[in-house]
Amino acid sequence: LQNGLTACDILEGFLYSEEFEISNFTNEQYVDILYRTLLGRNADAAGKADWVGRLNAGQSRSQILAGFAYSIEFNDLCREYGIKVGTLTR
């Protein structure tokens, strides 16, 4: 971040890393990771059920990541810490 990368750059570097991808997280685990990593909190039951349901219905993890990354909550956190959100490329 100090070298000009955006939050989305960092997220993609982490979530699309070989180490992360070979972990084979379940949809539930993936959603929990997004809540903790992007929002700094545990998932609420209704929100988790919605995101997991979307994944189970065929939405891609990239689409779910975009939902979190472009959420008001994540953008507010980034603004609070002076971090540029940026744009996802995947």
N, C-alpha and C. Protein backbone atom coordinates (compact mmCIF):
# COMPACT_ATOMS: atom_id res chain seq x y z
N LEU A 1 0.82 -1.20 0.00
CA LEU A 1 0.00 0.00 0.00
C LEU A 1 0.87 1.26 0.00
N GLN A 2 1.98 1.21 0.71
CA GLN A 2 2.87 2.36 0.75
C GLN A 2 3.54 2.62 -0.59
N ASN A 3 3.57 1.60 -1.45
CA ASN A 3 4.17 1.75 -2.77
C ASN A 3 3.15 2.04 -3.85
N GLY A 4 1.93 2.41 -3.45
CA GLY A 4 0.93 2.82 -4.42
C GLY A 4 -0.06 1.76 -4.86
N LEU A 5 0.05 0.56 -4.31
CA LEU A 5 -0.94 -0.45 -4.66
C LEU A 5 -2.27 -0.12 -4.00
N THR A 6 -3.34 -0.59 -4.60
CA THR A 6 -4.67 -0.36 -4.06
C THR A 6 -5.11 -1.58 -3.25
N ALA A 7 -6.21 -1.43 -2.54
CA ALA A 7 -6.76 -2.56 -1.80
C ALA A 7 -7.08 -3.71 -2.73
N CYS A 8 -7.63 -3.42 -3.90
CA CYS A 8 -7.96 -4.48 -4.86
C CYS A 8 -6.72 -5.19 -5.36
N ASP A 9 -5.63 -4.47 -5.55
CA ASP A 9 -4.36 -5.11 -5.95
C ASP A 9 -3.93 -6.12 -4.89
N ILE A 10 -4.00 -5.71 -3.64
CA ILE A 10 -3.58 -6.58 -2.53
C ILE A 10 -4.51 -7.78 -2.42
N LEU A 11 -5.81 -7.53 -2.51
CA LEU A 11 -6.78 -8.62 -2.43
C LEU A 11 -6.53 -9.67 -3.50
N GLU A 12 -6.35 -9.23 -4.73
CA GLU A 12 -6.12 -10.19 -5.81
C GLU A 12 -4.82 -10.95 -5.61
N GLY A 13 -3.79 -10.27 -5.13
CA GLY A 13 -2.53 -10.95 -4.87
C GLY A 13 -2.66 -12.05 -3.83
N PHE A 14 -3.50 -11.80 -2.85
CA PHE A 14 -3.71 -12.78 -1.78
C PHE A 14 -4.69 -13.87 -2.21
N LEU A 15 -5.86 -13.48 -2.69
CA LEU A 15 -6.92 -14.45 -2.96
C LEU A 15 -6.69 -15.29 -4.22
N TYR A 16 -5.83 -14.82 -5.11
CA TYR A 16 -5.53 -15.60 -6.31
C TYR A 16 -4.13 -16.21 -6.26
N SER A 17 -3.53 -16.18 -5.07
CA SER A 17 -2.21 -16.79 -4.93
C SER A 17 -2.33 -18.31 -5.01
N GLU A 18 -1.26 -18.95 -5.41
CA GLU A 18 -1.26 -20.41 -5.50
C GLU A 18 -1.56 -21.03 -4.13
N GLU A 19 -0.95 -20.46 -3.10
CA GLU A 19 -1.16 -20.99 -1.75
C GLU A 19 -2.63 -20.95 -1.34
N PHE A 20 -3.30 -19.84 -1.65
CA PHE A 20 -4.72 -19.72 -1.30
C PHE A 20 -5.55 -20.67 -2.15
N GLU A 21 -5.29 -20.71 -3.43
CA GLU A 21 -6.11 -21.52 -4.34
C GLU A 21 -5.99 -23.02 -4.06
N ILE A 22 -4.83 -23.49 -3.65
CA ILE A 22 -4.68 -24.93 -3.38
C ILE A 22 -5.27 -25.32 -2.02
N SER A 23 -5.67 -24.34 -1.24
CA SER A 23 -6.27 -24.64 0.06
C SER A 23 -7.66 -25.25 -0.06
N ASN A 24 -8.28 -25.07 -1.23
CA ASN A 24 -9.60 -25.66 -1.50
C ASN A 24 -10.62 -25.37 -0.41
N PHE A 25 -10.74 -24.10 -0.06
CA PHE A 25 -11.71 -23.70 0.95
C PHE A 25 -13.13 -23.97 0.44
N THR A 26 -14.00 -24.35 1.34
CA THR A 26 -15.41 -24.50 0.99
C THR A 26 -16.00 -23.11 0.74
N ASN A 27 -17.18 -23.07 0.17
CA ASN A 27 -17.85 -21.79 -0.03
C ASN A 27 -18.08 -21.08 1.29
N GLU A 28 -18.44 -21.82 2.32
CA GLU A 28 -18.65 -21.23 3.64
C GLU A 28 -17.36 -20.63 4.19
N GLN A 29 -16.27 -21.36 4.05
CA GLN A 29 -14.98 -20.86 4.52
C GLN A 29 -14.55 -19.63 3.72
N TYR A 30 -14.77 -19.66 2.42
CA TYR A 30 -14.40 -18.52 1.56
C TYR A 30 -15.14 -17.26 2.01
N VAL A 31 -16.43 -17.37 2.24
CA VAL A 31 -17.22 -16.22 2.68
C VAL A 31 -16.74 -15.74 4.04
N ASP A 32 -16.46 -16.65 4.96
CA ASP A 32 -15.93 -16.25 6.27
C ASP A 32 -14.62 -15.49 6.13
N ILE A 33 -13.76 -15.95 5.23
CA ILE A 33 -12.47 -15.28 5.00
C ILE A 33 -12.70 -13.87 4.47
N LEU A 34 -13.63 -13.71 3.54
CA LEU A 34 -13.91 -12.37 3.01
C LEU A 34 -14.44 -11.45 4.09
N TYR A 35 -15.33 -11.93 4.92
CA TYR A 35 -15.84 -11.09 6.01
C TYR A 35 -14.71 -10.65 6.94
N ARG A 36 -13.88 -11.60 7.36
CA ARG A 36 -12.81 -11.25 8.30
C ARG A 36 -11.74 -10.37 7.65
N THR A 37 -11.38 -10.69 6.41
CA THR A 37 -10.30 -9.97 5.75
C THR A 37 -10.71 -8.59 5.28
N LEU A 38 -11.86 -8.48 4.66
CA LEU A 38 -12.27 -7.20 4.08
C LEU A 38 -13.04 -6.32 5.05
N LEU A 39 -13.84 -6.94 5.89
CA LEU A 39 -14.71 -6.14 6.76
C LEU A 39 -14.25 -6.14 8.22
N GLY A 40 -13.30 -7.01 8.55
CA GLY A 40 -12.75 -7.03 9.89
C GLY A 40 -13.72 -7.52 10.95
N ARG A 41 -14.63 -8.37 10.53
CA ARG A 41 -15.63 -8.88 11.48
C ARG A 41 -16.09 -10.26 11.03
N ASN A 42 -16.77 -10.93 11.95
CA ASN A 42 -17.39 -12.21 11.60
C ASN A 42 -18.64 -11.96 10.79
N ALA A 43 -18.99 -12.94 10.00
CA ALA A 43 -20.19 -12.84 9.16
C ALA A 43 -21.44 -12.88 10.04
N ASP A 44 -22.42 -12.07 9.67
CA ASP A 44 -23.74 -12.22 10.28
C ASP A 44 -24.43 -13.37 9.56
N ALA A 45 -25.34 -14.04 10.25
CA ALA A 45 -25.96 -15.25 9.71
C ALA A 45 -26.66 -15.01 8.39
N ALA A 46 -27.45 -13.94 8.30
CA ALA A 46 -28.21 -13.67 7.07
C ALA A 46 -27.28 -13.33 5.91
N GLY A 47 -26.27 -12.50 6.18
CA GLY A 47 -25.33 -12.13 5.12
C GLY A 47 -24.55 -13.32 4.62
N LYS A 48 -24.07 -14.14 5.54
CA LYS A 48 -23.32 -15.34 5.13
C LYS A 48 -24.20 -16.27 4.31
N ALA A 49 -25.43 -16.48 4.75
CA ALA A 49 -26.34 -17.36 4.02
C ALA A 49 -26.57 -16.84 2.61
N ASP A 50 -26.70 -15.52 2.46
CA ASP A 50 -26.92 -14.94 1.14
C ASP A 50 -25.72 -15.17 0.23
N TRP A 51 -24.51 -14.85 0.70
CA TRP A 51 -23.32 -15.01 -0.13
C TRP A 51 -23.06 -16.46 -0.47
N VAL A 52 -23.18 -17.35 0.52
CA VAL A 52 -22.97 -18.78 0.26
C VAL A 52 -24.02 -19.29 -0.72
N GLY A 53 -25.25 -18.85 -0.56
CA GLY A 53 -26.31 -19.23 -1.49
C GLY A 53 -26.00 -18.81 -2.92
N ARG A 54 -25.44 -17.62 -3.06
CA ARG A 54 -25.07 -17.15 -4.40
C ARG A 54 -23.99 -18.05 -5.02
N LEU A 55 -22.99 -18.40 -4.20
CA LEU A 55 -21.94 -19.30 -4.68
C LEU A 55 -22.52 -20.66 -5.06
N ASN A 56 -23.35 -21.19 -4.21
CA ASN A 56 -23.94 -22.50 -4.47
C ASN A 56 -24.85 -22.48 -5.70
N ALA A 57 -25.38 -21.30 -6.03
CA ALA A 57 -26.25 -21.17 -7.21
C ALA A 57 -25.46 -20.91 -8.49
N GLY A 58 -24.14 -20.79 -8.38
CA GLY A 58 -23.33 -20.67 -9.59
C GLY A 58 -22.56 -19.38 -9.77
N GLN A 59 -22.75 -18.40 -8.89
CA GLN A 59 -21.93 -17.21 -9.03
C GLN A 59 -20.48 -17.57 -8.72
N SER A 60 -19.56 -16.91 -9.40
CA SER A 60 -18.14 -17.21 -9.21
C SER A 60 -17.61 -16.52 -7.95
N ARG A 61 -16.50 -17.01 -7.49
CA ARG A 61 -15.85 -16.37 -6.34
C ARG A 61 -15.40 -14.97 -6.70
N SER A 62 -15.05 -14.74 -7.95
CA SER A 62 -14.68 -13.39 -8.38
C SER A 62 -15.86 -12.43 -8.24
N GLN A 63 -17.05 -12.90 -8.56
CA GLN A 63 -18.24 -12.06 -8.42
C GLN A 63 -18.53 -11.76 -6.96
N ILE A 64 -18.34 -12.74 -6.11
CA ILE A 64 -18.57 -12.54 -4.68
C ILE A 64 -17.53 -11.59 -4.11
N LEU A 65 -16.29 -11.75 -4.52
CA LEU A 65 -15.24 -10.83 -4.09
C LEU A 65 -15.58 -9.41 -4.48
N ALA A 66 -16.06 -9.22 -5.70
CA ALA A 66 -16.45 -7.87 -6.15
C ALA A 66 -17.56 -7.31 -5.28
N GLY A 67 -18.51 -8.14 -4.89
CA GLY A 67 -19.57 -7.68 -4.01
C GLY A 67 -19.04 -7.13 -2.70
N PHE A 68 -18.04 -7.79 -2.16
CA PHE A 68 -17.42 -7.31 -0.92
C PHE A 68 -16.55 -6.08 -1.18
N ALA A 69 -15.69 -6.16 -2.20
CA ALA A 69 -14.72 -5.09 -2.46
C ALA A 69 -15.39 -3.76 -2.81
N TYR A 70 -16.53 -3.82 -3.46
CA TYR A 70 -17.22 -2.60 -3.86
C TYR A 70 -18.36 -2.23 -2.91
N SER A 71 -18.43 -2.93 -1.77
CA SER A 71 -19.48 -2.63 -0.80
C SER A 71 -19.21 -1.31 -0.09
N ILE A 72 -20.26 -0.70 0.37
CA ILE A 72 -20.14 0.55 1.12
C ILE A 72 -19.30 0.32 2.36
N GLU A 73 -19.51 -0.80 3.03
CA GLU A 73 -18.78 -1.09 4.28
C GLU A 73 -17.27 -1.15 4.04
N PHE A 74 -16.84 -1.86 3.00
CA PHE A 74 -15.41 -1.96 2.72
C PHE A 74 -14.86 -0.62 2.27
N ASN A 75 -15.60 0.09 1.43
CA ASN A 75 -15.14 1.40 0.98
C ASN A 75 -15.01 2.38 2.12
N ASP A 76 -15.93 2.33 3.08
CA ASP A 76 -15.84 3.19 4.25
C ASP A 76 -14.60 2.87 5.08
N LEU A 77 -14.30 1.58 5.25
CA LEU A 77 -13.10 1.19 5.98
C LEU A 77 -11.83 1.68 5.27
N CYS A 78 -11.79 1.51 3.97
CA CYS A 78 -10.63 1.98 3.20
C CYS A 78 -10.46 3.49 3.35
N ARG A 79 -11.55 4.21 3.23
CA ARG A 79 -11.49 5.67 3.36
C ARG A 79 -10.99 6.07 4.75
N GLU A 80 -11.46 5.36 5.77
CA GLU A 80 -11.04 5.64 7.15
C GLU A 80 -9.53 5.52 7.32
N TYR A 81 -8.92 4.57 6.62
CA TYR A 81 -7.49 4.35 6.73
C TYR A 81 -6.67 4.97 5.60
N GLY A 82 -7.33 5.73 4.74
CA GLY A 82 -6.63 6.40 3.65
C GLY A 82 -6.12 5.46 2.58
N ILE A 83 -6.86 4.38 2.34
CA ILE A 83 -6.47 3.38 1.35
C ILE A 83 -7.36 3.53 0.12
N LYS A 84 -6.75 3.55 -1.05
CA LYS A 84 -7.52 3.56 -2.29
C LYS A 84 -8.07 2.17 -2.56
N VAL A 85 -9.35 2.09 -2.89
CA VAL A 85 -9.96 0.79 -3.16
C VAL A 85 -9.46 0.22 -4.47
N GLY A 86 -9.44 1.00 -5.52
CA GLY A 86 -8.97 0.51 -6.82
C GLY A 86 -10.02 -0.31 -7.53
N THR A 87 -9.56 -1.11 -8.48
CA THR A 87 -10.44 -1.89 -9.33
C THR A 87 -9.94 -3.32 -9.41
N LEU A 88 -10.85 -4.26 -9.31
CA LEU A 88 -10.50 -5.66 -9.51
C LEU A 88 -10.29 -5.92 -10.99
N THR A 89 -9.34 -6.78 -11.31
CA THR A 89 -9.05 -7.07 -12.71
C THR A 89 -9.48 -8.48 -13.11
N ARG A 90 -9.89 -9.27 -12.17
CA ARG A 90 -10.27 -10.66 -12.45
C ARG A 90 -11.72 -10.88 -12.12
